[in-house]
Amino acid sequence: MNYGKCDRCGADLMPADWFEEKEYDSKTMLPTGRVRWAVGYIVCPECGRKFCVDDTFDGQWHYKS
């Protein structure tokens, strides 16, 4: 997957801080049992600059088996 280029040095950006995100019901705030792998931020491996991201790079929701 292409995560873009660093606007400072031009290197390819890499995902960092992968974590398993749990889904919660919006009304009851109870866990639904579904999870997905999410990216906390992307980073430039050359200059170390970090970039905040939305959920664009996150995986699909699925039931944990």
N, C-alpha and C. Protein backbone atom coordinates (compact mmCIF):
# COMPACT_ATOMS: atom_id res chain seq x y z
N MET A 1 0.84 -1.18 0.00
CA MET A 1 0.00 0.00 0.00
C MET A 1 0.89 1.25 0.00
N ASN A 2 0.47 2.25 -0.72
CA ASN A 2 1.20 3.51 -0.80
C ASN A 2 0.71 4.45 0.29
N TYR A 3 1.60 4.89 1.15
CA TYR A 3 1.25 5.79 2.24
C TYR A 3 1.65 7.23 1.95
N GLY A 4 2.18 7.48 0.78
CA GLY A 4 2.55 8.83 0.38
C GLY A 4 4.04 9.11 0.55
N LYS A 5 4.42 10.34 0.29
CA LYS A 5 5.81 10.78 0.36
C LYS A 5 5.94 11.90 1.38
N CYS A 6 7.07 11.95 2.04
CA CYS A 6 7.37 13.00 3.00
C CYS A 6 7.52 14.32 2.26
N ASP A 7 6.84 15.35 2.74
CA ASP A 7 6.95 16.65 2.06
C ASP A 7 8.23 17.39 2.44
N ARG A 8 8.99 16.86 3.37
CA ARG A 8 10.27 17.47 3.76
C ARG A 8 11.44 16.87 2.98
N CYS A 9 11.52 15.53 2.90
CA CYS A 9 12.69 14.91 2.27
C CYS A 9 12.34 14.03 1.07
N GLY A 10 11.07 13.74 0.84
CA GLY A 10 10.64 12.97 -0.33
C GLY A 10 10.67 11.46 -0.17
N ALA A 11 11.02 10.95 1.01
CA ALA A 11 11.07 9.50 1.23
C ALA A 11 9.65 8.94 1.33
N ASP A 12 9.52 7.63 1.06
CA ASP A 12 8.24 6.94 1.19
C ASP A 12 7.85 6.83 2.66
N LEU A 13 6.60 7.19 2.97
CA LEU A 13 6.12 7.11 4.35
C LEU A 13 5.73 5.68 4.69
N MET A 14 5.85 5.33 5.98
CA MET A 14 5.56 3.98 6.46
C MET A 14 4.56 4.06 7.62
N PRO A 15 3.68 3.05 7.75
CA PRO A 15 2.76 3.05 8.89
C PRO A 15 3.53 2.77 10.18
N ALA A 16 3.05 3.35 11.26
CA ALA A 16 3.65 3.13 12.58
C ALA A 16 2.53 2.97 13.59
N ASP A 17 2.84 2.40 14.71
CA ASP A 17 1.90 2.26 15.81
C ASP A 17 0.63 1.51 15.40
N TRP A 18 0.79 0.30 14.84
CA TRP A 18 -0.37 -0.55 14.55
C TRP A 18 -0.99 -1.00 15.86
N PHE A 19 -2.31 -1.02 15.94
CA PHE A 19 -2.98 -1.51 17.14
C PHE A 19 -4.32 -2.12 16.76
N GLU A 20 -4.84 -2.99 17.63
CA GLU A 20 -6.14 -3.61 17.41
C GLU A 20 -7.20 -2.73 18.06
N GLU A 21 -8.12 -2.22 17.24
CA GLU A 21 -9.18 -1.34 17.73
C GLU A 21 -10.45 -2.14 17.92
N LYS A 22 -11.11 -1.96 19.06
CA LYS A 22 -12.37 -2.64 19.34
C LYS A 22 -13.53 -1.71 18.98
N GLU A 23 -14.60 -2.30 18.46
CA GLU A 23 -15.79 -1.52 18.12
C GLU A 23 -16.75 -1.55 19.30
N TYR A 24 -17.38 -0.40 19.56
CA TYR A 24 -18.36 -0.29 20.64
C TYR A 24 -19.68 0.20 20.07
N ASP A 25 -20.78 -0.31 20.61
CA ASP A 25 -22.12 0.13 20.22
C ASP A 25 -22.27 1.60 20.63
N SER A 26 -22.75 2.43 19.73
CA SER A 26 -22.83 3.87 20.00
C SER A 26 -23.88 4.24 21.04
N LYS A 27 -24.88 3.40 21.25
CA LYS A 27 -25.92 3.71 22.24
C LYS A 27 -25.58 3.17 23.62
N THR A 28 -25.12 1.93 23.67
CA THR A 28 -24.88 1.30 24.97
C THR A 28 -23.43 1.37 25.41
N MET A 29 -22.54 1.68 24.48
CA MET A 29 -21.09 1.71 24.72
C MET A 29 -20.54 0.34 25.15
N LEU A 30 -21.26 -0.71 24.80
CA LEU A 30 -20.79 -2.08 25.05
C LEU A 30 -20.05 -2.58 23.83
N PRO A 31 -19.03 -3.43 24.00
CA PRO A 31 -18.29 -3.96 22.86
C PRO A 31 -19.20 -4.82 21.97
N THR A 32 -19.02 -4.68 20.66
CA THR A 32 -19.81 -5.47 19.71
C THR A 32 -19.17 -6.81 19.41
N GLY A 33 -17.89 -6.97 19.76
CA GLY A 33 -17.15 -8.19 19.43
C GLY A 33 -16.36 -8.07 18.15
N ARG A 34 -16.53 -6.95 17.43
CA ARG A 34 -15.78 -6.77 16.19
C ARG A 34 -14.51 -5.97 16.48
N VAL A 35 -13.45 -6.25 15.70
CA VAL A 35 -12.17 -5.57 15.83
C VAL A 35 -11.62 -5.25 14.45
N ARG A 36 -10.61 -4.41 14.39
CA ARG A 36 -9.88 -4.15 13.15
C ARG A 36 -8.47 -3.68 13.52
N TRP A 37 -7.54 -3.84 12.59
CA TRP A 37 -6.19 -3.32 12.77
C TRP A 37 -6.19 -1.89 12.28
N ALA A 38 -5.66 -1.01 13.10
CA ALA A 38 -5.66 0.42 12.79
C ALA A 38 -4.24 0.98 12.87
N VAL A 39 -4.02 2.08 12.18
CA VAL A 39 -2.73 2.76 12.16
C VAL A 39 -2.86 4.04 12.98
N GLY A 40 -1.98 4.21 13.97
CA GLY A 40 -2.00 5.41 14.79
C GLY A 40 -1.46 6.62 14.07
N TYR A 41 -0.39 6.45 13.30
CA TYR A 41 0.21 7.53 12.54
C TYR A 41 1.15 6.93 11.50
N ILE A 42 1.57 7.75 10.54
CA ILE A 42 2.58 7.32 9.57
C ILE A 42 3.84 8.15 9.83
N VAL A 43 4.98 7.57 9.48
CA VAL A 43 6.26 8.20 9.81
C VAL A 43 7.20 8.12 8.61
N CYS A 44 8.08 9.10 8.51
CA CYS A 44 9.12 9.09 7.49
C CYS A 44 10.34 8.36 8.07
N PRO A 45 10.78 7.26 7.45
CA PRO A 45 11.92 6.53 7.98
C PRO A 45 13.25 7.27 7.80
N GLU A 46 13.28 8.28 6.94
CA GLU A 46 14.52 9.03 6.67
C GLU A 46 14.73 10.18 7.67
N CYS A 47 13.72 11.03 7.83
CA CYS A 47 13.91 12.20 8.69
C CYS A 47 13.14 12.10 10.01
N GLY A 48 12.30 11.08 10.17
CA GLY A 48 11.60 10.86 11.43
C GLY A 48 10.34 11.68 11.63
N ARG A 49 9.94 12.43 10.64
CA ARG A 49 8.73 13.26 10.78
C ARG A 49 7.50 12.36 10.88
N LYS A 50 6.58 12.71 11.78
CA LYS A 50 5.35 11.95 11.99
C LYS A 50 4.16 12.71 11.42
N PHE A 51 3.20 11.96 10.87
CA PHE A 51 2.00 12.54 10.29
C PHE A 51 0.78 11.88 10.90
N CYS A 52 -0.16 12.68 11.39
CA CYS A 52 -1.42 12.17 11.91
C CYS A 52 -2.26 11.65 10.74
N VAL A 53 -3.07 10.63 11.00
CA VAL A 53 -3.93 10.07 9.95
C VAL A 53 -5.35 9.88 10.50
N ASP A 54 -6.30 9.80 9.58
CA ASP A 54 -7.65 9.43 9.96
C ASP A 54 -7.77 7.92 9.81
N ASP A 55 -8.96 7.39 9.63
CA ASP A 55 -9.11 5.93 9.53
C ASP A 55 -8.94 5.39 8.11
N THR A 56 -8.38 6.18 7.21
CA THR A 56 -8.18 5.78 5.82
C THR A 56 -7.37 4.49 5.68
N PHE A 57 -6.37 4.31 6.52
CA PHE A 57 -5.46 3.17 6.41
C PHE A 57 -5.86 1.99 7.29
N ASP A 58 -6.97 2.11 8.01
CA ASP A 58 -7.39 1.05 8.91
C ASP A 58 -8.02 -0.11 8.15
N GLY A 59 -7.95 -1.30 8.73
CA GLY A 59 -8.51 -2.50 8.11
C GLY A 59 -10.03 -2.56 8.24
N GLN A 60 -10.59 -3.65 7.76
CA GLN A 60 -12.03 -3.87 7.82
C GLN A 60 -12.44 -4.40 9.19
N TRP A 61 -13.64 -4.04 9.64
CA TRP A 61 -14.16 -4.60 10.88
C TRP A 61 -14.45 -6.07 10.67
N HIS A 62 -14.13 -6.90 11.65
CA HIS A 62 -14.42 -8.33 11.59
C HIS A 62 -14.56 -8.87 13.00
N TYR A 63 -15.25 -10.02 13.11
CA TYR A 63 -15.37 -10.67 14.41
C TYR A 63 -14.11 -11.44 14.71
N LYS A 64 -13.61 -11.25 15.90
CA LYS A 64 -12.38 -11.93 16.31
C LYS A 64 -12.69 -13.40 16.55
N SER A 65 -11.89 -14.26 15.94
CA SER A 65 -12.14 -15.69 16.10
C SER A 65 -11.23 -16.31 17.12
